[in-house]
């Protein structure tokens, strides 16, 4: 992570380093936020998210896998696909999620 982003994390007073690392510390953090925002409304599969966000399917799967590996997104296997939804870990840190989201969306 760059020194500039480390300083901003300290200024934002974030205690959840894991969440800040996957959202601020990665180039694709804004894309991950777009996906999580949709999942906070209702569960989707990767194909639905791809269509909804007009992003490549592989891009969606990549970002979901990162969020899932860090346990911010849970998945449920259905007959034809996986259904993704926010995990309890994400729900428990929504305050910091929204701080990070606002920071990234207002970043120049």
PDB file of N, CA and C in Angstrom:
ATOM      1  N   UNK A   1       0.853  -1.178   0.000  1.00  0.00           N
ATOM      2  CA  UNK A   1       0.000   0.000   0.000  1.00  0.00           C
ATOM      3  C   UNK A   1       0.894   1.234   0.000  1.00  0.00           C
ATOM      4  N   UNK A   2       0.473   2.248  -0.690  1.00  0.00           N
ATOM      5  CA  UNK A   2       1.296   3.452  -0.770  1.00  0.00           C
ATOM      6  C   UNK A   2       1.270   4.206   0.549  1.00  0.00           C
ATOM      7  N   UNK A   3       2.315   5.023   0.735  1.00  0.00           N
ATOM      8  CA  UNK A   3       2.426   5.823   1.948  1.00  0.00           C
ATOM      9  C   UNK A   3       1.244   6.778   2.071  1.00  0.00           C
ATOM     10  N   UNK A   4       0.827   7.378   0.940  1.00  0.00           N
ATOM     11  CA  UNK A   4      -0.310   8.304   0.929  1.00  0.00           C
ATOM     12  C   UNK A   4      -1.569   7.620   1.450  1.00  0.00           C
ATOM     13  N   UNK A   5      -1.817   6.392   0.992  1.00  0.00           N
ATOM     14  CA  UNK A   5      -3.019   5.691   1.432  1.00  0.00           C
ATOM     15  C   UNK A   5      -2.912   5.275   2.891  1.00  0.00           C
ATOM     16  N   UNK A   6      -1.695   4.934   3.382  1.00  0.00           N
ATOM     17  CA  UNK A   6      -1.506   4.625   4.803  1.00  0.00           C
ATOM     18  C   UNK A   6      -1.884   5.828   5.660  1.00  0.00           C
ATOM     19  N   UNK A   7      -1.430   7.005   5.239  1.00  0.00           N
ATOM     20  CA  UNK A   7      -1.735   8.227   5.981  1.00  0.00           C
ATOM     21  C   UNK A   7      -3.245   8.473   5.990  1.00  0.00           C
ATOM     22  N   UNK A   8      -3.898   8.297   4.863  1.00  0.00           N
ATOM     23  CA  UNK A   8      -5.342   8.513   4.792  1.00  0.00           C
ATOM     24  C   UNK A   8      -6.100   7.537   5.681  1.00  0.00           C
ATOM     25  N   UNK A   9      -5.643   6.297   5.773  1.00  0.00           N
ATOM     26  CA  UNK A   9      -6.293   5.312   6.637  1.00  0.00           C
ATOM     27  C   UNK A   9      -6.200   5.769   8.087  1.00  0.00           C
ATOM     28  N   UNK A  10      -5.036   6.290   8.470  1.00  0.00           N
ATOM     29  CA  UNK A  10      -4.880   6.793   9.837  1.00  0.00           C
ATOM     30  C   UNK A  10      -5.786   7.998  10.079  1.00  0.00           C
ATOM     31  N   UNK A  11      -5.863   8.895   9.110  1.00  0.00           N
ATOM     32  CA  UNK A  11      -6.724  10.075   9.247  1.00  0.00           C
ATOM     33  C   UNK A  11      -8.191   9.650   9.375  1.00  0.00           C
ATOM     34  N   UNK A  12      -8.584   8.623   8.640  1.00  0.00           N
ATOM     35  CA  UNK A  12      -9.966   8.147   8.695  1.00  0.00           C
ATOM     36  C   UNK A  12     -10.265   7.409   9.997  1.00  0.00           C
ATOM     37  N   UNK A  13      -9.210   7.110  10.771  1.00  0.00           N
ATOM     38  CA  UNK A  13      -9.348   6.436  12.062  1.00  0.00           C
ATOM     39  C   UNK A  13     -10.045   5.070  11.922  1.00  0.00           C
ATOM     40  N   UNK A  14      -9.552   4.277  10.985  1.00  0.00           N
ATOM     41  CA  UNK A  14     -10.129   2.963  10.742  1.00  0.00           C
ATOM     42  C   UNK A  14      -9.429   1.916  11.588  1.00  0.00           C
ATOM     43  N   UNK A  15     -10.200   1.076  12.220  1.00  0.00           N
ATOM     44  CA  UNK A  15      -9.613  -0.001  13.011  1.00  0.00           C
ATOM     45  C   UNK A  15      -9.568  -1.310  12.231  1.00  0.00           C
ATOM     46  N   UNK A  16     -10.376  -1.427  11.189  1.00  0.00           N
ATOM     47  CA  UNK A  16     -10.445  -2.660  10.416  1.00  0.00           C
ATOM     48  C   UNK A  16      -9.453  -2.603   9.256  1.00  0.00           C
ATOM     49  N   UNK A  17      -8.220  -3.042   9.532  1.00  0.00           N
ATOM     50  CA  UNK A  17      -7.166  -2.993   8.511  1.00  0.00           C
ATOM     51  C   UNK A  17      -7.472  -3.917   7.336  1.00  0.00           C
ATOM     52  N   UNK A  18      -8.087  -5.056   7.620  1.00  0.00           N
ATOM     53  CA  UNK A  18      -8.396  -6.013   6.566  1.00  0.00           C
ATOM     54  C   UNK A  18      -9.341  -5.389   5.537  1.00  0.00           C
ATOM     55  N   UNK A  19     -10.417  -4.787   6.002  1.00  0.00           N
ATOM     56  CA  UNK A  19     -11.382  -4.157   5.098  1.00  0.00           C
ATOM     57  C   UNK A  19     -10.736  -3.003   4.339  1.00  0.00           C
ATOM     58  N   UNK A  20      -9.978  -2.173   5.043  1.00  0.00           N
ATOM     59  CA  UNK A  20      -9.332  -1.051   4.363  1.00  0.00           C
ATOM     60  C   UNK A  20      -8.312  -1.546   3.344  1.00  0.00           C
ATOM     61  N   UNK A  21      -7.632  -2.651   3.630  1.00  0.00           N
ATOM     62  CA  UNK A  21      -6.654  -3.182   2.665  1.00  0.00           C
ATOM     63  C   UNK A  21      -7.318  -3.671   1.384  1.00  0.00           C
ATOM     64  N   UNK A  22      -8.458  -4.359   1.489  1.00  0.00           N
ATOM     65  CA  UNK A  22      -9.065  -4.873   0.258  1.00  0.00           C
ATOM     66  C   UNK A  22      -9.813  -3.793  -0.516  1.00  0.00           C
ATOM     67  N   UNK A  23     -10.189  -2.710   0.143  1.00  0.00           N
ATOM     68  CA  UNK A  23     -10.909  -1.647  -0.559  1.00  0.00           C
ATOM     69  C   UNK A  23     -10.001  -0.479  -0.943  1.00  0.00           C
ATOM     70  N   UNK A  24      -9.158  -0.030  -0.036  1.00  0.00           N
ATOM     71  CA  UNK A  24      -8.287   1.106  -0.315  1.00  0.00           C
ATOM     72  C   UNK A  24      -6.942   0.631  -0.864  1.00  0.00           C
ATOM     73  N   UNK A  25      -6.457  -0.470  -0.363  1.00  0.00           N
ATOM     74  CA  UNK A  25      -5.116  -0.926  -0.698  1.00  0.00           C
ATOM     75  C   UNK A  25      -5.002  -1.631  -2.036  1.00  0.00           C
ATOM     76  N   UNK A  26      -6.079  -1.801  -2.742  1.00  0.00           N
ATOM     77  CA  UNK A  26      -6.077  -2.465  -4.044  1.00  0.00           C
ATOM     78  C   UNK A  26      -6.583  -1.501  -5.110  1.00  0.00           C
ATOM     79  N   UNK A  27      -6.060  -1.666  -6.289  1.00  0.00           N
ATOM     80  CA  UNK A  27      -6.472  -0.822  -7.415  1.00  0.00           C
ATOM     81  C   UNK A  27      -7.970  -0.973  -7.712  1.00  0.00           C
ATOM     82  N   UNK A  28      -8.522  -2.160  -7.512  1.00  0.00           N
ATOM     83  CA  UNK A  28      -9.921  -2.418  -7.848  1.00  0.00           C
ATOM     84  C   UNK A  28     -10.912  -2.232  -6.718  1.00  0.00           C
ATOM     85  N   UNK A  29     -10.517  -1.491  -5.701  1.00  0.00           N
ATOM     86  CA  UNK A  29     -11.391  -1.311  -4.550  1.00  0.00           C
ATOM     87  C   UNK A  29     -12.745  -0.696  -4.885  1.00  0.00           C
ATOM     88  N   UNK A  30     -12.758   0.234  -5.825  1.00  0.00           N
ATOM     89  CA  UNK A  30     -14.031   0.879  -6.200  1.00  0.00           C
ATOM     90  C   UNK A  30     -14.977  -0.125  -6.858  1.00  0.00           C
ATOM     91  N   UNK A  31     -14.425  -1.059  -7.625  1.00  0.00           N
ATOM     92  CA  UNK A  31     -15.260  -2.089  -8.243  1.00  0.00           C
ATOM     93  C   UNK A  31     -15.824  -3.021  -7.183  1.00  0.00           C
ATOM     94  N   UNK A  32     -15.003  -3.378  -6.218  1.00  0.00           N
ATOM     95  CA  UNK A  32     -15.476  -4.224  -5.121  1.00  0.00           C
ATOM     96  C   UNK A  32     -16.604  -3.530  -4.365  1.00  0.00           C
ATOM     97  N   UNK A  33     -16.481  -2.234  -4.170  1.00  0.00           N
ATOM     98  CA  UNK A  33     -17.534  -1.469  -3.492  1.00  0.00           C
ATOM     99  C   UNK A  33     -18.830  -1.505  -4.296  1.00  0.00           C
ATOM    100  N   UNK A  34     -18.749  -1.343  -5.609  1.00  0.00           N
ATOM    101  CA  UNK A  34     -19.957  -1.405  -6.444  1.00  0.00           C
ATOM    102  C   UNK A  34     -20.665  -2.751  -6.272  1.00  0.00           C
ATOM    103  N   UNK A  35     -19.892  -3.806  -6.213  1.00  0.00           N
ATOM    104  CA  UNK A  35     -20.463  -5.151  -6.059  1.00  0.00           C
ATOM    105  C   UNK A  35     -21.087  -5.302  -4.683  1.00  0.00           C
ATOM    106  N   UNK A  36     -20.353  -4.914  -3.650  1.00  0.00           N
ATOM    107  CA  UNK A  36     -20.873  -5.032  -2.277  1.00  0.00           C
ATOM    108  C   UNK A  36     -22.138  -4.209  -2.111  1.00  0.00           C
ATOM    109  N   UNK A  37     -22.162  -3.005  -2.683  1.00  0.00           N
ATOM    110  CA  UNK A  37     -23.365  -2.169  -2.584  1.00  0.00           C
ATOM    111  C   UNK A  37     -24.594  -2.899  -3.127  1.00  0.00           C
ATOM    112  N   UNK A  38     -24.439  -3.573  -4.250  1.00  0.00           N
ATOM    113  CA  UNK A  38     -25.565  -4.329  -4.817  1.00  0.00           C
ATOM    114  C   UNK A  38     -25.955  -5.486  -3.906  1.00  0.00           C
ATOM    115  N   UNK A  39     -24.958  -6.172  -3.343  1.00  0.00           N
ATOM    116  CA  UNK A  39     -25.244  -7.314  -2.477  1.00  0.00           C
ATOM    117  C   UNK A  39     -25.895  -6.879  -1.159  1.00  0.00           C
ATOM    118  N   UNK A  40     -25.660  -5.656  -0.752  1.00  0.00           N
ATOM    119  CA  UNK A  40     -26.313  -5.151   0.462  1.00  0.00           C
ATOM    120  C   UNK A  40     -27.807  -4.933   0.240  1.00  0.00           C
ATOM    121  N   UNK A  41     -28.199  -4.810  -1.017  1.00  0.00           N
ATOM    122  CA  UNK A  41     -29.619  -4.652  -1.334  1.00  0.00           C
ATOM    123  C   UNK A  41     -30.303  -6.006  -1.401  1.00  0.00           C
ATOM    124  N   UNK A  42     -29.673  -6.952  -2.129  1.00  0.00           N
ATOM    125  CA  UNK A  42     -30.217  -8.305  -2.218  1.00  0.00           C
ATOM    126  C   UNK A  42     -29.157  -9.244  -2.779  1.00  0.00           C
ATOM    127  N   UNK A  43     -29.293 -10.539  -2.548  1.00  0.00           N
ATOM    128  CA  UNK A  43     -28.318 -11.502  -3.085  1.00  0.00           C
ATOM    129  C   UNK A  43     -28.399 -11.588  -4.610  1.00  0.00           C
ATOM    130  N   UNK A  44     -27.252 -11.794  -5.219  1.00  0.00           N
ATOM    131  CA  UNK A  44     -27.155 -11.955  -6.663  1.00  0.00           C
ATOM    132  C   UNK A  44     -26.148 -13.057  -6.978  1.00  0.00           C
ATOM    133  N   UNK A  45     -26.249 -13.614  -8.182  1.00  0.00           N
ATOM    134  CA  UNK A  45     -25.173 -14.467  -8.669  1.00  0.00           C
ATOM    135  C   UNK A  45     -24.245 -13.596  -9.516  1.00  0.00           C
ATOM    136  N   UNK A  46     -23.102 -14.157  -9.904  1.00  0.00           N
ATOM    137  CA  UNK A  46     -22.099 -13.372 -10.635  1.00  0.00           C
ATOM    138  C   UNK A  46     -22.623 -12.884 -11.985  1.00  0.00           C
ATOM    139  N   UNK A  47     -23.394 -13.700 -12.663  1.00  0.00           N
ATOM    140  CA  UNK A  47     -23.934 -13.294 -13.958  1.00  0.00           C
ATOM    141  C   UNK A  47     -24.899 -12.114 -13.812  1.00  0.00           C
ATOM    142  N   UNK A  48     -25.751 -12.165 -12.811  1.00  0.00           N
ATOM    143  CA  UNK A  48     -26.675 -11.057 -12.570  1.00  0.00           C
ATOM    144  C   UNK A  48     -25.911  -9.769 -12.270  1.00  0.00           C
ATOM    145  N   UNK A  49     -24.864  -9.875 -11.437  1.00  0.00           N
ATOM    146  CA  UNK A  49     -24.056  -8.699 -11.109  1.00  0.00           C
ATOM    147  C   UNK A  49     -23.353  -8.160 -12.348  1.00  0.00           C
ATOM    148  N   UNK A  50     -22.863  -9.061 -13.181  1.00  0.00           N
ATOM    149  CA  UNK A  50     -22.199  -8.663 -14.413  1.00  0.00           C
ATOM    150  C   UNK A  50     -23.138  -7.842 -15.294  1.00  0.00           C
ATOM    151  N   UNK A  51     -24.355  -8.308 -15.445  1.00  0.00           N
ATOM    152  CA  UNK A  51     -25.349  -7.589 -16.253  1.00  0.00           C
ATOM    153  C   UNK A  51     -25.762  -6.276 -15.595  1.00  0.00           C
ATOM    154  N   UNK A  52     -26.007  -6.324 -14.307  1.00  0.00           N
ATOM    155  CA  UNK A  52     -26.472  -5.157 -13.565  1.00  0.00           C
ATOM    156  C   UNK A  52     -25.440  -4.031 -13.569  1.00  0.00           C
ATOM    157  N   UNK A  53     -24.175  -4.393 -13.360  1.00  0.00           N
ATOM    158  CA  UNK A  53     -23.114  -3.390 -13.273  1.00  0.00           C
ATOM    159  C   UNK A  53     -22.414  -3.131 -14.604  1.00  0.00           C
ATOM    160  N   UNK A  54     -22.829  -3.886 -15.630  1.00  0.00           N
ATOM    161  CA  UNK A  54     -22.223  -3.776 -16.947  1.00  0.00           C
ATOM    162  C   UNK A  54     -20.704  -3.943 -16.876  1.00  0.00           C
ATOM    163  N   UNK A  55     -20.290  -4.994 -16.155  1.00  0.00           N
ATOM    164  CA  UNK A  55     -18.885  -5.348 -16.024  1.00  0.00           C
ATOM    165  C   UNK A  55     -18.688  -6.773 -16.514  1.00  0.00           C
ATOM    166  N   UNK A  56     -17.485  -7.065 -16.954  1.00  0.00           N
ATOM    167  CA  UNK A  56     -17.151  -8.402 -17.424  1.00  0.00           C
ATOM    168  C   UNK A  56     -17.381  -9.429 -16.315  1.00  0.00           C
ATOM    169  N   UNK A  57     -17.904 -10.577 -16.677  1.00  0.00           N
ATOM    170  CA  UNK A  57     -18.188 -11.661 -15.726  1.00  0.00           C
ATOM    171  C   UNK A  57     -16.932 -12.032 -14.937  1.00  0.00           C
ATOM    172  N   UNK A  58     -15.788 -12.151 -15.616  1.00  0.00           N
ATOM    173  CA  UNK A  58     -14.547 -12.531 -14.937  1.00  0.00           C
ATOM    174  C   UNK A  58     -14.119 -11.473 -13.915  1.00  0.00           C
ATOM    175  N   UNK A  59     -14.388 -10.223 -14.220  1.00  0.00           N
ATOM    176  CA  UNK A  59     -14.090  -9.140 -13.280  1.00  0.00           C
ATOM    177  C   UNK A  59     -14.929  -9.297 -12.025  1.00  0.00           C
ATOM    178  N   UNK A  60     -16.212  -9.565 -12.199  1.00  0.00           N
ATOM    179  CA  UNK A  60     -17.115  -9.766 -11.058  1.00  0.00           C
ATOM    180  C   UNK A  60     -16.626 -10.935 -10.207  1.00  0.00           C
ATOM    181  N   UNK A  61     -16.330 -12.054 -10.839  1.00  0.00           N
ATOM    182  CA  UNK A  61     -15.884 -13.247 -10.111  1.00  0.00           C
ATOM    183  C   UNK A  61     -14.595 -12.951  -9.350  1.00  0.00           C
ATOM    184  N   UNK A  62     -13.677 -12.245  -9.966  1.00  0.00           N
ATOM    185  CA  UNK A  62     -12.413 -11.894  -9.304  1.00  0.00           C
ATOM    186  C   UNK A  62     -12.668 -11.105  -8.019  1.00  0.00           C
ATOM    187  N   UNK A  63     -13.492 -10.073  -8.106  1.00  0.00           N
ATOM    188  CA  UNK A  63     -13.756  -9.218  -6.941  1.00  0.00           C
ATOM    189  C   UNK A  63     -14.576  -9.958  -5.878  1.00  0.00           C
ATOM    190  N   UNK A  64     -15.507 -10.755  -6.287  1.00  0.00           N
ATOM    191  CA  UNK A  64     -16.292 -11.540  -5.321  1.00  0.00           C
ATOM    192  C   UNK A  64     -15.386 -12.537  -4.604  1.00  0.00           C
ATOM    193  N   UNK A  65     -14.483 -13.166  -5.337  1.00  0.00           N
ATOM    194  CA  UNK A  65     -13.575 -14.123  -4.714  1.00  0.00           C
ATOM    195  C   UNK A  65     -12.703 -13.466  -3.652  1.00  0.00           C
ATOM    196  N   UNK A  66     -12.228 -12.267  -3.924  1.00  0.00           N
ATOM    197  CA  UNK A  66     -11.429 -11.544  -2.930  1.00  0.00           C
ATOM    198  C   UNK A  66     -12.272 -11.250  -1.692  1.00  0.00           C
ATOM    199  N   UNK A  67     -13.474 -10.724  -1.898  1.00  0.00           N
ATOM    200  CA  UNK A  67     -14.359 -10.415  -0.763  1.00  0.00           C
ATOM    201  C   UNK A  67     -14.736 -11.693  -0.012  1.00  0.00           C
ATOM    202  N   UNK A  68     -14.918 -12.778  -0.726  1.00  0.00           N
ATOM    203  CA  UNK A  68     -15.271 -14.055  -0.092  1.00  0.00           C
ATOM    204  C   UNK A  68     -14.087 -14.620   0.689  1.00  0.00           C
ATOM    205  N   UNK A  69     -12.891 -14.553   0.134  1.00  0.00           N
ATOM    206  CA  UNK A  69     -11.695 -15.031   0.832  1.00  0.00           C
ATOM    207  C   UNK A  69     -11.487 -14.297   2.144  1.00  0.00           C
ATOM    208  N   UNK A  70     -11.841 -13.031   2.169  1.00  0.00           N
ATOM    209  CA  UNK A  70     -11.695 -12.223   3.389  1.00  0.00           C
ATOM    210  C   UNK A  70     -12.950 -12.277   4.270  1.00  0.00           C
ATOM    211  N   UNK A  71     -13.892 -13.094   3.860  1.00  0.00           N
ATOM    212  CA  UNK A  71     -15.118 -13.366   4.621  1.00  0.00           C
ATOM    213  C   UNK A  71     -16.066 -12.172   4.753  1.00  0.00           C
ATOM    214  N   UNK A  72     -16.059 -11.285   3.732  1.00  0.00           N
ATOM    215  CA  UNK A  72     -17.020 -10.179   3.701  1.00  0.00           C
ATOM    216  C   UNK A  72     -18.239 -10.519   2.862  1.00  0.00           C
ATOM    217  N   UNK A  73     -18.131 -11.567   2.071  1.00  0.00           N
ATOM    218  CA  UNK A  73     -19.236 -12.045   1.240  1.00  0.00           C
ATOM    219  C   UNK A  73     -19.360 -13.543   1.463  1.00  0.00           C
ATOM    220  N   UNK A  74     -20.576 -13.993   1.663  1.00  0.00           N
ATOM    221  CA  UNK A  74     -20.870 -15.420   1.773  1.00  0.00           C
ATOM    222  C   UNK A  74     -21.505 -15.884   0.473  1.00  0.00           C
ATOM    223  N   UNK A  75     -21.415 -17.174   0.234  1.00  0.00           N
ATOM    224  CA  UNK A  75     -22.055 -17.706  -0.961  1.00  0.00           C
ATOM    225  C   UNK A  75     -22.852 -18.946  -0.608  1.00  0.00           C
ATOM    226  N   UNK A  76     -23.908 -19.118  -1.374  1.00  0.00           N
ATOM    227  CA  UNK A  76     -24.779 -20.278  -1.231  1.00  0.00           C
ATOM    228  C   UNK A  76     -24.872 -20.930  -2.602  1.00  0.00           C
ATOM    229  N   UNK A  77     -24.564 -22.200  -2.641  1.00  0.00           N
ATOM    230  CA  UNK A  77     -24.654 -22.920  -3.915  1.00  0.00           C
ATOM    231  C   UNK A  77     -26.118 -23.180  -4.225  1.00  0.00           C
ATOM    232  N   UNK A  78     -26.510 -22.802  -5.426  1.00  0.00           N
ATOM    233  CA  UNK A  78     -27.856 -23.093  -5.901  1.00  0.00           C
ATOM    234  C   UNK A  78     -27.725 -24.139  -7.003  1.00  0.00           C
ATOM    235  N   UNK A  79     -28.805 -24.480  -7.618  1.00  0.00           N
ATOM    236  CA  UNK A  79     -28.792 -25.521  -8.647  1.00  0.00           C
ATOM    237  C   UNK A  79     -27.824 -25.208  -9.781  1.00  0.00           C
ATOM    238  N   UNK A  80     -27.829 -23.964 -10.256  1.00  0.00           N
ATOM    239  CA  UNK A  80     -27.039 -23.604 -11.435  1.00  0.00           C
ATOM    240  C   UNK A  80     -25.880 -22.650 -11.178  1.00  0.00           C
ATOM    241  N   UNK A  81     -25.792 -22.063  -9.993  1.00  0.00           N
ATOM    242  CA  UNK A  81     -24.756 -21.057  -9.748  1.00  0.00           C
ATOM    243  C   UNK A  81     -24.558 -20.860  -8.250  1.00  0.00           C
ATOM    244  N   UNK A  82     -23.751 -19.880  -7.918  1.00  0.00           N
ATOM    245  CA  UNK A  82     -23.579 -19.470  -6.525  1.00  0.00           C
ATOM    246  C   UNK A  82     -24.315 -18.150  -6.324  1.00  0.00           C
ATOM    247  N   UNK A  83     -24.997 -18.057  -5.218  1.00  0.00           N
ATOM    248  CA  UNK A  83     -25.691 -16.832  -4.842  1.00  0.00           C
ATOM    249  C   UNK A  83     -24.839 -16.152  -3.769  1.00  0.00           C
ATOM    250  N   UNK A  84     -24.543 -14.886  -3.961  1.00  0.00           N
ATOM    251  CA  UNK A  84     -23.668 -14.145  -3.044  1.00  0.00           C
ATOM    252  C   UNK A  84     -24.482 -13.138  -2.241  1.00  0.00           C
ATOM    253  N   UNK A  85     -24.066 -12.970  -0.992  1.00  0.00           N
ATOM    254  CA  UNK A  85     -24.739 -12.029  -0.096  1.00  0.00           C
ATOM    255  C   UNK A  85     -23.749 -11.556   0.962  1.00  0.00           C
ATOM    256  N   UNK A  86     -24.034 -10.441   1.639  1.00  0.00           N
ATOM    257  CA  UNK A  86     -23.100  -9.913   2.641  1.00  0.00           C
ATOM    258  C   UNK A  86     -22.996 -10.867   3.834  1.00  0.00           C
ATOM    259  N   UNK A  87     -21.799 -11.018   4.344  1.00  0.00           N
ATOM    260  CA  UNK A  87     -21.590 -11.871   5.516  1.00  0.00           C
ATOM    261  C   UNK A  87     -21.873 -11.080   6.790  1.00  0.00           C
ATOM    262  N   UNK A  88     -21.963 -11.785   7.887  1.00  0.00           N
ATOM    263  CA  UNK A  88     -22.116 -11.110   9.184  1.00  0.00           C
ATOM    264  C   UNK A  88     -20.904 -10.230   9.483  1.00  0.00           C
ATOM    265  N   UNK A  89     -19.719 -10.677   9.040  1.00  0.00           N
ATOM    266  CA  UNK A  89     -18.509  -9.879   9.247  1.00  0.00           C
ATOM    267  C   UNK A  89     -18.652  -8.507   8.581  1.00  0.00           C
ATOM    268  N   UNK A  90     -19.194  -8.472   7.374  1.00  0.00           N
ATOM    269  CA  UNK A  90     -19.403  -7.197   6.686  1.00  0.00           C
ATOM    270  C   UNK A  90     -20.483  -6.380   7.395  1.00  0.00           C
ATOM    271  N   UNK A  91     -21.569  -7.017   7.730  1.00  0.00           N
ATOM    272  CA  UNK A  91     -22.667  -6.309   8.409  1.00  0.00           C
ATOM    273  C   UNK A  91     -22.162  -5.656   9.700  1.00  0.00           C
ATOM    274  N   UNK A  92     -21.259  -6.340  10.403  1.00  0.00           N
ATOM    275  CA  UNK A  92     -20.735  -5.819  11.664  1.00  0.00           C
ATOM    276  C   UNK A  92     -19.762  -4.659  11.497  1.00  0.00           C
ATOM    277  N   UNK A  93     -19.305  -4.412  10.285  1.00  0.00           N
ATOM    278  CA  UNK A  93     -18.378  -3.291  10.083  1.00  0.00           C
ATOM    279  C   UNK A  93     -18.884  -2.323   9.011  1.00  0.00           C
ATOM    280  N   UNK A  94     -20.193  -2.226   8.883  1.00  0.00           N
ATOM    281  CA  UNK A  94     -20.763  -1.334   7.869  1.00  0.00           C
ATOM    282  C   UNK A  94     -20.399   0.129   8.080  1.00  0.00           C
ATOM    283  N   UNK A  95     -20.252   0.556   9.337  1.00  0.00           N
ATOM    284  CA  UNK A  95     -19.871   1.954   9.581  1.00  0.00           C
ATOM    285  C   UNK A  95     -18.544   2.271   8.911  1.00  0.00           C
ATOM    286  N   UNK A  96     -17.556   1.401   9.093  1.00  0.00           N
ATOM    287  CA  UNK A  96     -16.255   1.628   8.461  1.00  0.00           C
ATOM    288  C   UNK A  96     -16.337   1.432   6.947  1.00  0.00           C
ATOM    289  N   UNK A  97     -17.154   0.494   6.503  1.00  0.00           N
ATOM    290  CA  UNK A  97     -17.337   0.287   5.064  1.00  0.00           C
ATOM    291  C   UNK A  97     -17.812   1.585   4.410  1.00  0.00           C
ATOM    292  N   UNK A  98     -18.784   2.247   5.009  1.00  0.00           N
ATOM    293  CA  UNK A  98     -19.319   3.480   4.419  1.00  0.00           C
ATOM    294  C   UNK A  98     -18.312   4.633   4.495  1.00  0.00           C
ATOM    295  N   UNK A  99     -17.477   4.656   5.526  1.00  0.00           N
ATOM    296  CA  UNK A  99     -16.413   5.666   5.605  1.00  0.00           C
ATOM    297  C   UNK A  99     -15.417   5.453   4.472  1.00  0.00           C
ATOM    298  N   UNK A 100     -15.018   4.199   4.270  1.00  0.00           N
ATOM    299  CA  UNK A 100     -14.074   3.867   3.196  1.00  0.00           C
ATOM    300  C   UNK A 100     -14.689   4.177   1.838  1.00  0.00           C
ATOM    301  N   UNK A 101     -15.947   3.811   1.672  1.00  0.00           N
ATOM    302  CA  UNK A 101     -16.633   4.064   0.402  1.00  0.00           C
ATOM    303  C   UNK A 101     -16.642   5.558   0.092  1.00  0.00           C
ATOM    304  N   UNK A 102     -17.012   6.374   1.055  1.00  0.00           N
ATOM    305  CA  UNK A 102     -17.052   7.824   0.832  1.00  0.00           C
ATOM    306  C   UNK A 102     -15.662   8.359   0.508  1.00  0.00           C
ATOM    307  N   UNK A 103     -14.661   7.869   1.216  1.00  0.00           N
ATOM    308  CA  UNK A 103     -13.282   8.298   0.959  1.00  0.00           C
ATOM    309  C   UNK A 103     -12.876   7.980  -0.477  1.00  0.00           C
ATOM    310  N   UNK A 104     -13.122   6.745  -0.918  1.00  0.00           N
ATOM    311  CA  UNK A 104     -12.712   6.335  -2.257  1.00  0.00           C
ATOM    312  C   UNK A 104     -13.480   7.050  -3.360  1.00  0.00           C
ATOM    313  N   UNK A 105     -14.771   7.246  -3.147  1.00  0.00           N
ATOM    314  CA  UNK A 105     -15.570   7.892  -4.179  1.00  0.00           C
ATOM    315  C   UNK A 105     -15.272   9.385  -4.297  1.00  0.00           C
ATOM    316  N   UNK A 106     -14.732   9.985  -3.231  1.00  0.00           N
ATOM    317  CA  UNK A 106     -14.387  11.402  -3.258  1.00  0.00           C
ATOM    318  C   UNK A 106     -12.909  11.632  -3.556  1.00  0.00           C
ATOM    319  N   UNK A 107     -12.152  10.535  -3.695  1.00  0.00           N
ATOM    320  CA  UNK A 107     -10.719  10.633  -3.981  1.00  0.00           C
ATOM    321  C   UNK A 107     -10.487  11.125  -5.402  1.00  0.00           C
ATOM    322  N   UNK A 108      -9.504  11.955  -5.555  1.00  0.00           N
ATOM    323  CA  UNK A 108      -9.203  12.508  -6.890  1.00  0.00           C
ATOM    324  C   UNK A 108      -8.146  11.717  -7.584  1.00  0.00           C
TER     325      UNK A 108
END
